[in-house]
Amino acid sequence: MAATTPALSTPTARGFWKSLRGREALSFYLFIAPWTLGFLAFILGPIVASLALGFTRYDIILPAKWVGLENFRDLIADPLFRISLGNTVYIVLMAVPLGMVVSFLIALLLNQKVRGMAAYRTGYFIPSIVPAVASAALWLYLLQPQWGLVNGFLDLFGIKGPTWLASTTWSKPSIIMLMVWASGGTMIIYLAGLQDIPDTLYEAASIDGASWLRRLVHVTIPLMTPTIFFTLVMGIIGTFQVFSVVFVLTDGMGGPLNSTLVYLIYVYRNAFVFFRMGYASALSLILFLIILVLTLANVRLAGRWVYSEVEME
């Protein structure tokens, strides 16, 4: 007589939530609930509103008026749009790779096993947790042309320091220096990636006679490419949205002569100074599309230089 297999019982929804897996899922949703509610109330809503307002003429006081693509036609002919986008792209092209290289080199130094390394790591990380407004106020003092510490230090060597933020030539480099100085967060990410590399790989390379430079090029950097890719994408996204430090350093004007007029400063001025909320929303939509395209391009190109665990095996 053939044995019959009992039918598998399908757990009900009520039984699922009483199971261990159900309780874990419930805990997960409860923990992310504050963020989810905040996202729906304070992020998703403004995003949808901005998309709609980008096709209207809206000054906050009077009701919004639908104008179609008029805002986008206006920004094509707007010289300040081109200037602000150009300034932002310049800062991205300079600050992102420079910050990544400096952070990577510092992470290599802080990955050494020497006494007191925890104190050095803390010291390099502190600038990244200082509020942006406080950091900008500090650099205003450091870069003051007459009595600032930077020019004072240069005077010791007989070098006449530039006027920094008051110069159209040195204003953007001043902002870039501040952004690189506060790149401790990227350094910590690199440090974590370096510590995740197995020591056995370095030992095998040393046995084969590889020098420190060859171990760096053929072991460290390939295994760090996933981390480098992450910091590259996040750096581009964050630098395109630079605002607070520039706002404090230039009193929100983007001077001198619009040399530090970055994209979000221009969006802010149109929205909250000139009350052109529809035009500012159109500018925001263009910035979103630029960041989206660059992010997708990086993801598409990642397969050409980012090593996966399968490839390394």
C-alpha atoms as a PDB file:
ATOM      1  CA  MET A   1       0.000   0.000   0.000  1.00  0.00           C
ATOM      2  CA  ALA A   2       1.524   3.260  -1.131  1.00  0.00           C
ATOM      3  CA  ALA A   3       2.331   5.766   1.596  1.00  0.00           C
ATOM      4  CA  THR A   4       0.537   9.048   1.272  1.00  0.00           C
ATOM      5  CA  THR A   5       2.444  12.314   1.704  1.00  0.00           C
ATOM      6  CA  PRO A   6       0.648  14.760   3.945  1.00  0.00           C
ATOM      7  CA  ALA A   7      -0.292  17.977   2.256  1.00  0.00           C
ATOM      8  CA  LEU A   8       1.901  20.913   3.144  1.00  0.00           C
ATOM      9  CA  SER A   9      -0.100  23.392   5.104  1.00  0.00           C
ATOM     10  CA  THR A  10       0.031  26.979   3.897  1.00  0.00           C
ATOM     11  CA  PRO A  11       0.593  29.346   6.844  1.00  0.00           C
ATOM     12  CA  THR A  12      -1.957  32.049   7.191  1.00  0.00           C
ATOM     13  CA  ALA A  13      -0.962  35.683   7.426  1.00  0.00           C
ATOM     14  CA  ARG A  14      -1.793  35.667  11.120  1.00  0.00           C
ATOM     15  CA  GLY A  15       0.373  32.614  11.687  1.00  0.00           C
ATOM     16  CA  PHE A  16       3.239  34.170   9.728  1.00  0.00           C
ATOM     17  CA  TRP A  17       3.439  37.223  11.977  1.00  0.00           C
ATOM     18  CA  LYS A  18       3.531  34.927  15.028  1.00  0.00           C
ATOM     19  CA  SER A  19       6.461  32.946  13.643  1.00  0.00           C
ATOM     20  CA  LEU A  20      10.109  33.872  14.227  1.00  0.00           C
ATOM     21  CA  ARG A  21      10.498  35.093  10.670  1.00  0.00           C
ATOM     22  CA  GLY A  22       7.322  37.137  10.977  1.00  0.00           C
ATOM     23  CA  ARG A  23       8.483  38.759  14.216  1.00  0.00           C
ATOM     24  CA  GLU A  24      11.801  39.634  12.600  1.00  0.00           C
ATOM     25  CA  ALA A  25      10.006  41.181   9.633  1.00  0.00           C
ATOM     26  CA  LEU A  26       7.739  43.143  11.969  1.00  0.00           C
ATOM     27  CA  SER A  27      10.741  44.435  13.897  1.00  0.00           C
ATOM     28  CA  PHE A  28      12.362  45.481  10.635  1.00  0.00           C
ATOM     29  CA  TYR A  29       9.328  47.473   9.494  1.00  0.00           C
ATOM     30  CA  LEU A  30       8.951  49.096  12.907  1.00  0.00           C
ATOM     31  CA  PHE A  31      12.587  50.194  12.927  1.00  0.00           C
ATOM     32  CA  ILE A  32      12.388  51.759   9.458  1.00  0.00           C
ATOM     33  CA  ALA A  33       8.969  53.311  10.105  1.00  0.00           C
ATOM     34  CA  PRO A  34      10.356  56.686  11.353  1.00  0.00           C
ATOM     35  CA  TRP A  35      12.523  57.047   8.252  1.00  0.00           C
ATOM     36  CA  THR A  36       9.698  55.903   5.977  1.00  0.00           C
ATOM     37  CA  LEU A  37       7.245  58.402   7.474  1.00  0.00           C
ATOM     38  CA  GLY A  38       9.845  61.168   7.265  1.00  0.00           C
ATOM     39  CA  PHE A  39      10.580  60.313   3.638  1.00  0.00           C
ATOM     40  CA  LEU A  40       6.898  60.337   2.668  1.00  0.00           C
ATOM     41  CA  ALA A  41       6.145  63.564   4.522  1.00  0.00           C
ATOM     42  CA  PHE A  42       9.276  65.670   3.963  1.00  0.00           C
ATOM     43  CA  ILE A  43      11.030  64.263   0.877  1.00  0.00           C
ATOM     44  CA  LEU A  44       8.647  62.511  -1.494  1.00  0.00           C
ATOM     45  CA  GLY A  45       6.012  65.243  -1.221  1.00  0.00           C
ATOM     46  CA  PRO A  46       8.413  68.112  -2.055  1.00  0.00           C
ATOM     47  CA  ILE A  47       9.885  66.051  -4.905  1.00  0.00           C
ATOM     48  CA  VAL A  48       6.484  65.570  -6.525  1.00  0.00           C
ATOM     49  CA  ALA A  49       5.560  69.221  -5.899  1.00  0.00           C
ATOM     50  CA  SER A  50       8.833  70.396  -7.436  1.00  0.00           C
ATOM     51  CA  LEU A  51       8.261  68.305 -10.547  1.00  0.00           C
ATOM     52  CA  ALA A  52       4.844  69.869 -10.989  1.00  0.00           C
ATOM     53  CA  LEU A  53       5.970  73.423 -10.202  1.00  0.00           C
ATOM     54  CA  GLY A  54       8.749  73.189 -12.781  1.00  0.00           C
ATOM     55  CA  PHE A  55       6.094  73.628 -15.463  1.00  0.00           C
ATOM     56  CA  THR A  56       4.410  76.621 -13.798  1.00  0.00           C
ATOM     57  CA  ARG A  57       5.025  80.272 -13.010  1.00  0.00           C
ATOM     58  CA  TYR A  58       4.760  80.497  -9.234  1.00  0.00           C
ATOM     59  CA  ASP A  59       5.879  83.288  -6.901  1.00  0.00           C
ATOM     60  CA  ILE A  60       4.570  81.759  -3.612  1.00  0.00           C
ATOM     61  CA  ILE A  61       2.064  84.622  -3.204  1.00  0.00           C
ATOM     62  CA  LEU A  62      -0.146  84.160  -6.279  1.00  0.00           C
ATOM     63  CA  PRO A  63      -1.507  80.786  -7.424  1.00  0.00           C
ATOM     64  CA  ALA A  64       0.689  78.761  -9.743  1.00  0.00           C
ATOM     65  CA  LYS A  65       0.046  79.254 -13.468  1.00  0.00           C
ATOM     66  CA  TRP A  66       0.783  76.501 -15.964  1.00  0.00           C
ATOM     67  CA  VAL A  67       3.353  77.659 -18.558  1.00  0.00           C
ATOM     68  CA  GLY A  68       4.500  74.327 -19.990  1.00  0.00           C
ATOM     69  CA  LEU A  69       8.142  74.318 -21.094  1.00  0.00           C
ATOM     70  CA  GLU A  70       8.624  78.073 -20.731  1.00  0.00           C
ATOM     71  CA  ASN A  71      10.899  77.746 -17.694  1.00  0.00           C
ATOM     72  CA  PHE A  72      13.165  75.303 -19.526  1.00  0.00           C
ATOM     73  CA  ARG A  73      13.367  77.576 -22.563  1.00  0.00           C
ATOM     74  CA  ASP A  74      14.294  80.464 -20.295  1.00  0.00           C
ATOM     75  CA  LEU A  75      17.112  78.620 -18.567  1.00  0.00           C
ATOM     76  CA  ILE A  76      18.703  77.707 -21.907  1.00  0.00           C
ATOM     77  CA  ALA A  77      19.133  81.424 -22.581  1.00  0.00           C
ATOM     78  CA  ASP A  78      20.035  82.254 -18.978  1.00  0.00           C
ATOM     79  CA  PRO A  79      23.772  83.114 -18.671  1.00  0.00           C
ATOM     80  CA  LEU A  80      23.731  82.587 -14.892  1.00  0.00           C
ATOM     81  CA  PHE A  81      22.462  79.051 -15.438  1.00  0.00           C
ATOM     82  CA  ARG A  82      25.514  78.301 -17.551  1.00  0.00           C
ATOM     83  CA  ILE A  83      27.845  80.037 -15.099  1.00  0.00           C
ATOM     84  CA  SER A  84      26.447  78.183 -12.081  1.00  0.00           C
ATOM     85  CA  LEU A  85      26.558  74.842 -13.874  1.00  0.00           C
ATOM     86  CA  GLY A  86      30.095  75.505 -15.072  1.00  0.00           C
ATOM     87  CA  ASN A  87      31.272  76.448 -11.567  1.00  0.00           C
ATOM     88  CA  THR A  88      29.688  73.318 -10.129  1.00  0.00           C
ATOM     89  CA  VAL A  89      31.200  71.045 -12.769  1.00  0.00           C
ATOM     90  CA  TYR A  90      34.628  72.627 -12.137  1.00  0.00           C
ATOM     91  CA  ILE A  91      34.361  71.929  -8.411  1.00  0.00           C
ATOM     92  CA  VAL A  92      33.176  68.368  -9.057  1.00  0.00           C
ATOM     93  CA  LEU A  93      36.046  67.656 -11.473  1.00  0.00           C
ATOM     94  CA  MET A  94      38.624  69.019  -9.028  1.00  0.00           C
ATOM     95  CA  ALA A  95      37.264  68.206  -5.570  1.00  0.00           C
ATOM     96  CA  VAL A  96      36.032  64.646  -6.130  1.00  0.00           C
ATOM     97  CA  PRO A  97      39.228  63.058  -7.531  1.00  0.00           C
ATOM     98  CA  LEU A  98      41.485  65.155  -5.290  1.00  0.00           C
ATOM     99  CA  GLY A  99      39.462  64.238  -2.206  1.00  0.00           C
ATOM    100  CA  MET A 100      39.486  60.562  -3.173  1.00  0.00           C
ATOM    101  CA  VAL A 101      43.265  60.495  -3.703  1.00  0.00           C
ATOM    102  CA  VAL A 102      44.033  62.368  -0.480  1.00  0.00           C
ATOM    103  CA  SER A 103      41.599  60.214   1.516  1.00  0.00           C
ATOM    104  CA  PHE A 104      43.061  57.017   0.048  1.00  0.00           C
ATOM    105  CA  LEU A 105      46.642  58.036   0.831  1.00  0.00           C
ATOM    106  CA  ILE A 106      45.718  59.000   4.394  1.00  0.00           C
ATOM    107  CA  ALA A 107      43.858  55.694   4.805  1.00  0.00           C
ATOM    108  CA  LEU A 108      46.994  53.842   3.689  1.00  0.00           C
ATOM    109  CA  LEU A 109      49.005  55.682   6.349  1.00  0.00           C
ATOM    110  CA  LEU A 110      46.403  55.090   9.043  1.00  0.00           C
ATOM    111  CA  ASN A 111      46.239  51.395   8.199  1.00  0.00           C
ATOM    112  CA  GLN A 112      49.738  50.848   9.588  1.00  0.00           C
ATOM    113  CA  LYS A 113      50.178  49.038  12.888  1.00  0.00           C
ATOM    114  CA  VAL A 114      51.950  51.605  15.065  1.00  0.00           C
ATOM    115  CA  ARG A 115      51.417  52.850  18.588  1.00  0.00           C
ATOM    116  CA  GLY A 116      48.789  55.565  19.045  1.00  0.00           C
ATOM    117  CA  MET A 117      47.127  54.954  15.680  1.00  0.00           C
ATOM    118  CA  ALA A 118      43.631  55.359  17.194  1.00  0.00           C
ATOM    119  CA  ALA A 119      44.469  58.962  18.108  1.00  0.00           C
ATOM    120  CA  TYR A 120      45.684  59.717  14.578  1.00  0.00           C
ATOM    121  CA  ARG A 121      42.552  58.211  13.066  1.00  0.00           C
ATOM    122  CA  THR A 122      40.364  60.275  15.361  1.00  0.00           C
ATOM    123  CA  GLY A 123      42.253  63.441  14.500  1.00  0.00           C
ATOM    124  CA  TYR A 124      41.843  62.954  10.755  1.00  0.00           C
ATOM    125  CA  PHE A 125      38.168  62.052  11.103  1.00  0.00           C
ATOM    126  CA  ILE A 126      37.107  64.999  13.310  1.00  0.00           C
ATOM    127  CA  PRO A 127      36.913  67.604  10.468  1.00  0.00           C
ATOM    128  CA  SER A 128      34.274  65.499   8.712  1.00  0.00           C
ATOM    129  CA  ILE A 129      31.892  65.640  11.692  1.00  0.00           C
ATOM    130  CA  VAL A 130      32.271  69.373  12.283  1.00  0.00           C
ATOM    131  CA  PRO A 131      29.092  71.136  11.069  1.00  0.00           C
ATOM    132  CA  ALA A 132      29.495  72.678   7.636  1.00  0.00           C
ATOM    133  CA  VAL A 133      28.679  76.168   8.907  1.00  0.00           C
ATOM    134  CA  ALA A 134      31.344  75.921  11.620  1.00  0.00           C
ATOM    135  CA  SER A 135      33.896  74.609   9.114  1.00  0.00           C
ATOM    136  CA  ALA A 136      33.149  77.454   6.711  1.00  0.00           C
ATOM    137  CA  ALA A 137      33.436  80.035   9.515  1.00  0.00           C
ATOM    138  CA  LEU A 138      36.810  78.552  10.479  1.00  0.00           C
ATOM    139  CA  TRP A 139      38.075  78.775   6.909  1.00  0.00           C
ATOM    140  CA  LEU A 140      36.866  82.358   6.639  1.00  0.00           C
ATOM    141  CA  TYR A 141      39.302  83.116   9.439  1.00  0.00           C
ATOM    142  CA  LEU A 142      42.113  81.004   7.979  1.00  0.00           C
ATOM    143  CA  LEU A 143      41.815  82.551   4.503  1.00  0.00           C
ATOM    144  CA  GLN A 144      41.385  86.173   5.579  1.00  0.00           C
ATOM    145  CA  PRO A 145      43.826  88.048   3.269  1.00  0.00           C
ATOM    146  CA  GLN A 146      45.248  90.535   5.811  1.00  0.00           C
ATOM    147  CA  TRP A 147      45.526  88.600   9.076  1.00  0.00           C
ATOM    148  CA  GLY A 148      44.515  85.036   8.199  1.00  0.00           C
ATOM    149  CA  LEU A 149      46.678  82.156   9.378  1.00  0.00           C
ATOM    150  CA  VAL A 150      47.308  80.804   5.874  1.00  0.00           C
ATOM    151  CA  ASN A 151      48.725  84.065   4.508  1.00  0.00           C
ATOM    152  CA  GLY A 152      50.553  84.579   7.785  1.00  0.00           C
ATOM    153  CA  PHE A 153      52.255  81.224   7.313  1.00  0.00           C
ATOM    154  CA  LEU A 154      53.162  82.106   3.719  1.00  0.00           C
ATOM    155  CA  ASP A 155      54.660  85.398   4.896  1.00  0.00           C
ATOM    156  CA  LEU A 156      57.196  83.440   6.953  1.00  0.00           C
ATOM    157  CA  PHE A 157      58.707  82.243   3.656  1.00  0.00           C
ATOM    158  CA  GLY A 158      58.462  85.617   1.941  1.00  0.00           C
ATOM    159  CA  ILE A 159      55.448  84.585  -0.130  1.00  0.00           C
ATOM    160  CA  LYS A 160      52.646  87.080  -0.606  1.00  0.00           C
ATOM    161  CA  GLY A 161      49.421  85.162  -0.204  1.00  0.00           C
ATOM    162  CA  PRO A 162      46.462  85.664  -2.543  1.00  0.00           C
ATOM    163  CA  THR A 163      43.207  87.277  -1.540  1.00  0.00           C
ATOM    164  CA  TRP A 164      41.550  83.839  -1.655  1.00  0.00           C
ATOM    165  CA  LEU A 165      37.757  84.281  -1.464  1.00  0.00           C
ATOM    166  CA  ALA A 166      37.987  87.863  -2.717  1.00  0.00           C
ATOM    167  CA  SER A 167      39.738  86.721  -5.907  1.00  0.00           C
ATOM    168  CA  THR A 168      37.989  85.286  -8.932  1.00  0.00           C
ATOM    169  CA  THR A 169      41.060  83.102  -9.500  1.00  0.00           C
ATOM    170  CA  TRP A 170      41.375  81.647  -5.997  1.00  0.00           C
ATOM    171  CA  SER A 171      37.755  81.566  -4.815  1.00  0.00           C
ATOM    172  CA  LYS A 172      36.921  78.108  -6.209  1.00  0.00           C
ATOM    173  CA  PRO A 173      40.260  76.566  -5.104  1.00  0.00           C
ATOM    174  CA  SER A 174      39.489  77.893  -1.604  1.00  0.00           C
ATOM    175  CA  ILE A 175      36.206  75.976  -1.575  1.00  0.00           C
ATOM    176  CA  ILE A 176      37.916  72.863  -2.932  1.00  0.00           C
ATOM    177  CA  MET A 177      40.534  72.998  -0.152  1.00  0.00           C
ATOM    178  CA  LEU A 178      37.769  73.121   2.445  1.00  0.00           C
ATOM    179  CA  MET A 179      35.978  70.144   0.889  1.00  0.00           C
ATOM    180  CA  VAL A 180      39.173  68.076   0.761  1.00  0.00           C
ATOM    181  CA  TRP A 181      39.995  69.029   4.365  1.00  0.00           C
ATOM    182  CA  ALA A 182      36.619  67.665   5.468  1.00  0.00           C
ATOM    183  CA  SER A 183      36.901  64.346   3.597  1.00  0.00           C
ATOM    184  CA  GLY A 184      37.457  62.263   6.720  1.00  0.00           C
ATOM    185  CA  GLY A 185      34.289  60.285   6.061  1.00  0.00           C
ATOM    186  CA  THR A 186      35.718  59.025   2.765  1.00  0.00           C
ATOM    187  CA  MET A 187      38.966  58.178   4.549  1.00  0.00           C
ATOM    188  CA  ILE A 188      37.102  56.008   7.058  1.00  0.00           C
ATOM    189  CA  ILE A 189      35.385  54.131   4.226  1.00  0.00           C
ATOM    190  CA  TYR A 190      38.747  53.475   2.566  1.00  0.00           C
ATOM    191  CA  LEU A 191      40.249  52.412   5.881  1.00  0.00           C
ATOM    192  CA  ALA A 192      37.461  49.884   6.389  1.00  0.00           C
ATOM    193  CA  GLY A 193      38.031  48.548   2.878  1.00  0.00           C
ATOM    194  CA  LEU A 194      41.773  48.219   3.454  1.00  0.00           C
ATOM    195  CA  GLN A 195      41.255  46.296   6.671  1.00  0.00           C
ATOM    196  CA  ASP A 196      38.952  43.887   4.843  1.00  0.00           C
ATOM    197  CA  ILE A 197      41.756  42.748   2.510  1.00  0.00           C
ATOM    198  CA  PRO A 198      43.177  39.388   3.719  1.00  0.00           C
ATOM    199  CA  ASP A 199      46.775  39.530   4.951  1.00  0.00           C
ATOM    200  CA  THR A 200      47.431  36.223   3.208  1.00  0.00           C
ATOM    201  CA  LEU A 201      47.337  37.974  -0.166  1.00  0.00           C
ATOM    202  CA  TYR A 202      50.074  40.385   0.912  1.00  0.00           C
ATOM    203  CA  GLU A 203      52.098  37.521   2.350  1.00  0.00           C
ATOM    204  CA  ALA A 204      51.820  35.546  -0.894  1.00  0.00           C
ATOM    205  CA  ALA A 205      52.844  38.600  -2.913  1.00  0.00           C
ATOM    206  CA  SER A 206      55.828  39.206  -0.624  1.00  0.00           C
ATOM    207  CA  ILE A 207      56.949  35.591  -1.011  1.00  0.00           C
ATOM    208  CA  ASP A 208      56.824  36.064  -4.789  1.00  0.00           C
ATOM    209  CA  GLY A 209      59.151  39.062  -4.379  1.00  0.00           C
ATOM    210  CA  ALA A 210      56.631  41.834  -4.972  1.00  0.00           C
ATOM    211  CA  SER A 211      57.699  45.259  -3.704  1.00  0.00           C
ATOM    212  CA  TRP A 212      55.454  47.564  -1.697  1.00  0.00           C
ATOM    213  CA  LEU A 213      54.508  49.457  -4.853  1.00  0.00           C
ATOM    214  CA  ARG A 214      53.665  46.296  -6.775  1.00  0.00           C
ATOM    215  CA  ARG A 215      51.549  45.024  -3.880  1.00  0.00           C
ATOM    216  CA  LEU A 216      49.722  48.352  -3.892  1.00  0.00           C
ATOM    217  CA  VAL A 217      49.094  48.291  -7.638  1.00  0.00           C
ATOM    218  CA  HIS A 218      48.289  44.611  -8.107  1.00  0.00           C
ATOM    219  CA  VAL A 219      46.656  43.681  -4.792  1.00  0.00           C
ATOM    220  CA  THR A 220      45.402  46.699  -2.850  1.00  0.00           C
ATOM    221  CA  ILE A 221      43.937  48.860  -5.599  1.00  0.00           C
ATOM    222  CA  PRO A 222      42.119  46.038  -7.472  1.00  0.00           C
ATOM    223  CA  LEU A 223      40.525  44.799  -4.249  1.00  0.00           C
ATOM    224  CA  MET A 224      39.600  48.377  -3.319  1.00  0.00           C
ATOM    225  CA  THR A 225      37.839  49.154  -6.616  1.00  0.00           C
ATOM    226  CA  PRO A 226      34.328  48.401  -5.238  1.00  0.00           C
ATOM    227  CA  THR A 227      34.983  50.872  -2.405  1.00  0.00           C
ATOM    228  CA  ILE A 228      36.473  53.400  -4.815  1.00  0.00           C
ATOM    229  CA  PHE A 229      33.417  53.063  -7.041  1.00  0.00           C
ATOM    230  CA  PHE A 230      31.098  53.733  -4.104  1.00  0.00           C
ATOM    231  CA  THR A 231      33.007  56.838  -2.992  1.00  0.00           C
ATOM    232  CA  LEU A 232      33.153  58.091  -6.592  1.00  0.00           C
ATOM    233  CA  VAL A 233      29.392  57.879  -7.087  1.00  0.00           C
ATOM    234  CA  MET A 234      28.585  59.368  -3.681  1.00  0.00           C
ATOM    235  CA  GLY A 235      31.217  62.076  -4.141  1.00  0.00           C
ATOM    236  CA  ILE A 236      29.749  63.185  -7.467  1.00  0.00           C
ATOM    237  CA  ILE A 237      26.219  63.234  -6.048  1.00  0.00           C
ATOM    238  CA  GLY A 238      27.250  65.160  -2.939  1.00  0.00           C
ATOM    239  CA  THR A 239      29.523  67.677  -4.692  1.00  0.00           C
ATOM    240  CA  PHE A 240      26.916  68.554  -7.296  1.00  0.00           C
ATOM    241  CA  GLN A 241      24.718  69.537  -4.333  1.00  0.00           C
ATOM    242  CA  VAL A 242      27.323  71.645  -2.518  1.00  0.00           C
ATOM    243  CA  PHE A 243      25.551  74.555  -0.855  1.00  0.00           C
ATOM    244  CA  SER A 244      26.117  75.317   2.826  1.00  0.00           C
ATOM    245  CA  VAL A 245      29.864  75.979   2.777  1.00  0.00           C
ATOM    246  CA  VAL A 246      29.580  78.209  -0.295  1.00  0.00           C
ATOM    247  CA  PHE A 247      26.608  80.013   1.211  1.00  0.00           C
ATOM    248  CA  VAL A 248      28.536  80.840   4.382  1.00  0.00           C
ATOM    249  CA  LEU A 249      31.807  81.709   2.645  1.00  0.00           C
ATOM    250  CA  THR A 250      30.152  84.091   0.170  1.00  0.00           C
ATOM    251  CA  ASP A 251      27.167  85.359   2.221  1.00  0.00           C
ATOM    252  CA  GLY A 252      24.877  83.532  -0.189  1.00  0.00           C
ATOM    253  CA  MET A 253      25.874  85.692  -3.145  1.00  0.00           C
ATOM    254  CA  GLY A 254      28.291  83.426  -4.997  1.00  0.00           C
ATOM    255  CA  GLY A 255      30.878  86.158  -5.405  1.00  0.00           C
ATOM    256  CA  PRO A 256      33.142  87.664  -6.392  1.00  0.00           C
ATOM    257  CA  LEU A 257      31.665  88.229  -9.847  1.00  0.00           C
ATOM    258  CA  ASN A 258      29.711  84.958  -9.674  1.00  0.00           C
ATOM    259  CA  SER A 259      32.957  82.945  -9.515  1.00  0.00           C
ATOM    260  CA  THR A 260      31.505  80.774  -6.708  1.00  0.00           C
ATOM    261  CA  LEU A 261      27.901  80.810  -7.891  1.00  0.00           C
ATOM    262  CA  VAL A 262      27.303  77.068  -7.663  1.00  0.00           C
ATOM    263  CA  TYR A 263      24.122  75.458  -8.909  1.00  0.00           C
ATOM    264  CA  LEU A 264      22.220  75.167  -5.621  1.00  0.00           C
ATOM    265  CA  ILE A 265      23.073  78.732  -4.668  1.00  0.00           C
ATOM    266  CA  TYR A 266      21.426  79.828  -7.911  1.00  0.00           C
ATOM    267  CA  VAL A 267      18.423  77.614  -7.187  1.00  0.00           C
ATOM    268  CA  TYR A 268      18.172  79.118  -3.707  1.00  0.00           C
ATOM    269  CA  ARG A 269      18.374  82.697  -4.992  1.00  0.00           C
ATOM    270  CA  ASN A 270      15.624  82.105  -7.556  1.00  0.00           C
ATOM    271  CA  ALA A 271      13.369  80.361  -5.038  1.00  0.00           C
ATOM    272  CA  PHE A 272      13.794  82.430  -1.876  1.00  0.00           C
ATOM    273  CA  VAL A 273      15.282  85.758  -3.002  1.00  0.00           C
ATOM    274  CA  PHE A 274      13.508  86.412  -6.299  1.00  0.00           C
ATOM    275  CA  PHE A 275      10.507  84.164  -5.457  1.00  0.00           C
ATOM    276  CA  ARG A 276      10.654  82.440  -8.855  1.00  0.00           C
ATOM    277  CA  MET A 277       9.643  79.112  -7.404  1.00  0.00           C
ATOM    278  CA  GLY A 278       8.605  77.615 -10.735  1.00  0.00           C
ATOM    279  CA  TYR A 279      11.923  78.519 -12.352  1.00  0.00           C
ATOM    280  CA  ALA A 280      13.837  77.177  -9.327  1.00  0.00           C
ATOM    281  CA  SER A 281      11.897  73.913  -9.589  1.00  0.00           C
ATOM    282  CA  ALA A 282      12.853  73.628 -13.249  1.00  0.00           C
ATOM    283  CA  LEU A 283      16.497  74.145 -12.299  1.00  0.00           C
ATOM    284  CA  SER A 284      16.170  71.437  -9.651  1.00  0.00           C
ATOM    285  CA  LEU A 285      14.734  69.021 -12.205  1.00  0.00           C
ATOM    286  CA  ILE A 286      17.679  69.649 -14.535  1.00  0.00           C
ATOM    287  CA  LEU A 287      20.108  68.963 -11.664  1.00  0.00           C
ATOM    288  CA  PHE A 288      18.284  65.727 -10.864  1.00  0.00           C
ATOM    289  CA  LEU A 289      18.582  64.590 -14.475  1.00  0.00           C
ATOM    290  CA  ILE A 290      22.291  65.458 -14.601  1.00  0.00           C
ATOM    291  CA  ILE A 291      23.032  63.476 -11.440  1.00  0.00           C
ATOM    292  CA  LEU A 292      20.860  60.578 -12.648  1.00  0.00           C
ATOM    293  CA  VAL A 293      22.656  60.369 -15.996  1.00  0.00           C
ATOM    294  CA  LEU A 294      26.111  60.530 -14.393  1.00  0.00           C
ATOM    295  CA  THR A 295      25.181  57.872 -11.830  1.00  0.00           C
ATOM    296  CA  LEU A 296      23.799  55.513 -14.484  1.00  0.00           C
ATOM    297  CA  ALA A 297      26.902  56.092 -16.611  1.00  0.00           C
ATOM    298  CA  ASN A 298      29.161  55.208 -13.683  1.00  0.00           C
ATOM    299  CA  VAL A 299      27.151  52.075 -12.967  1.00  0.00           C
ATOM    300  CA  ARG A 300      27.315  51.099 -16.640  1.00  0.00           C
ATOM    301  CA  LEU A 301      31.095  51.605 -16.796  1.00  0.00           C
ATOM    302  CA  ALA A 302      31.773  49.939 -13.444  1.00  0.00           C
ATOM    303  CA  GLY A 303      32.034  46.497 -15.013  1.00  0.00           C
ATOM    304  CA  ARG A 304      35.126  47.604 -16.928  1.00  0.00           C
ATOM    305  CA  TRP A 305      37.254  48.469 -13.903  1.00  0.00           C
ATOM    306  CA  VAL A 306      35.540  47.292 -10.705  1.00  0.00           C
ATOM    307  CA  TYR A 307      36.719  43.845  -9.661  1.00  0.00           C
ATOM    308  CA  SER A 308      34.175  41.423  -8.249  1.00  0.00           C
ATOM    309  CA  GLU A 309      34.901  38.519  -5.910  1.00  0.00           C
ATOM    310  CA  VAL A 310      34.243  36.066  -8.750  1.00  0.00           C
ATOM    311  CA  GLU A 311      36.844  37.747 -10.945  1.00  0.00           C
ATOM    312  CA  MET A 312      39.393  37.746  -8.158  1.00  0.00           C
ATOM    313  CA  GLU A 313      38.881  34.017  -7.593  1.00  0.00           C
END
